[in-house]
Each structure stands twice: as C-alpha cells, then as structure tokens.
C-alpha cells in the first residue's frame, strides 16, 4: 500500500519542517494553498520554499488549480461556502489525483502541504487526503510534534466530536450507521472550514 502524507507548516521552523519531510522520505511536496504565500511565515512563500526544498532534494509543485480550497467557479458555492463533495467530482480535481497517482507509480513519495497545523481543520485532509483514502491509499497526517495520525483516526475523531454518544439519530429520527456518521461529520466540518462567499440582499453571490 502506498502512503500519502499531509503537513501544516505553521507548526515548524523551516529547518525542522525539512527534517520532518526527510524523516518520512518525502520526495515531492504538493502545495495545496490557493494562494502560495504567507505574510507571517515568509520562508513558505512559493519562491522561498521551492528553493529550500530543491536544495534538499525535494520537488515542489503548486496544485492550487487542482486542490485549492478557494476555487473561482461559483457553482461550488451553492450554500455560500465551497462544497468539497461537489468539487472533488470536478475534472480539475481528478486530474490532480491522476498526476499524483502517476508519480507514486514512479516511486515518488508525496506530502500535501497547507498552513493549518491541525489536519482535521484543513481542507488538505478533509477534502484532498480523504479522496486518496477512499481509493485505498494510507494517509498519514503529520502533526506538530513530527508524529502522524492516519485518516482513519481523523474520521474516528470527527465522529466522536459530532456524535459524542455514538447513538445519535438523523434529522428524520433514523439511526445512522458509522459510515453515515463519518459522511455527515465530513459535511459538518466542511461547513465550518469551507471558504465562504459574500451574498448580497438579493441572493447574488459575489467574491
């Protein structure tokens, strides 16, 4: 089974960041930020981090058009925030998946990078890594201390958060299976972290 990693850079000084990537034998970093720059973490601006990674033998690629959480097409914002379940059906997202899978066939080891240190609060795990997990890849979400949790653990934590008694019922009073609770939990987290658009008083969506 091939592994896909994720990481949030805001937990790390850049030297420690690179060392963690080396610890997990990462060979290619996929930047999933819609805007690959940071006011507060300038080492992670696209030009800077690309040079740092290259000097350490790690390939940098920006996949904002494939995996960014702020897509420009307004059809993904029907509820006012970006609907991950809708966007992952897009050809752009699927193309990004295919590129990474092709790279894994060539023995590249990939990490998905964004800023947020908690993977359960970031689209890199809630949207992107989830799709790899659904296809049978092992997803390892690297934490601030350099250890990792799997996507399965994230799902279990989400269910515990949204369904703390594990016997919750749906709005129709029908009992939910664990898989249904997982699906609902992803949707609820999406509604909390999804990028939102402004809606004017007549309902027209504007950026």
Foldseek 3Di string as FASTA:
>chain_A
DAEEEEAAPQLDDVVVVVVLCVVVPAAEEEEQALQQADPVRHCRRPVNVQVVQVVVRHHYDYLPQQRHLDHDDCVQCPVFFGQLVVSCPDPSNVVVVVVVVVVVVVVHHYYYYDHDQDLLLDCCLLRVVVVVVVVPHWYWYAHSVSHTDTSVVSLVVLLCVVPVVQFDADPVRHTDDSVRSSVVSSRVSCVVRTHGFDADPVGDTDD
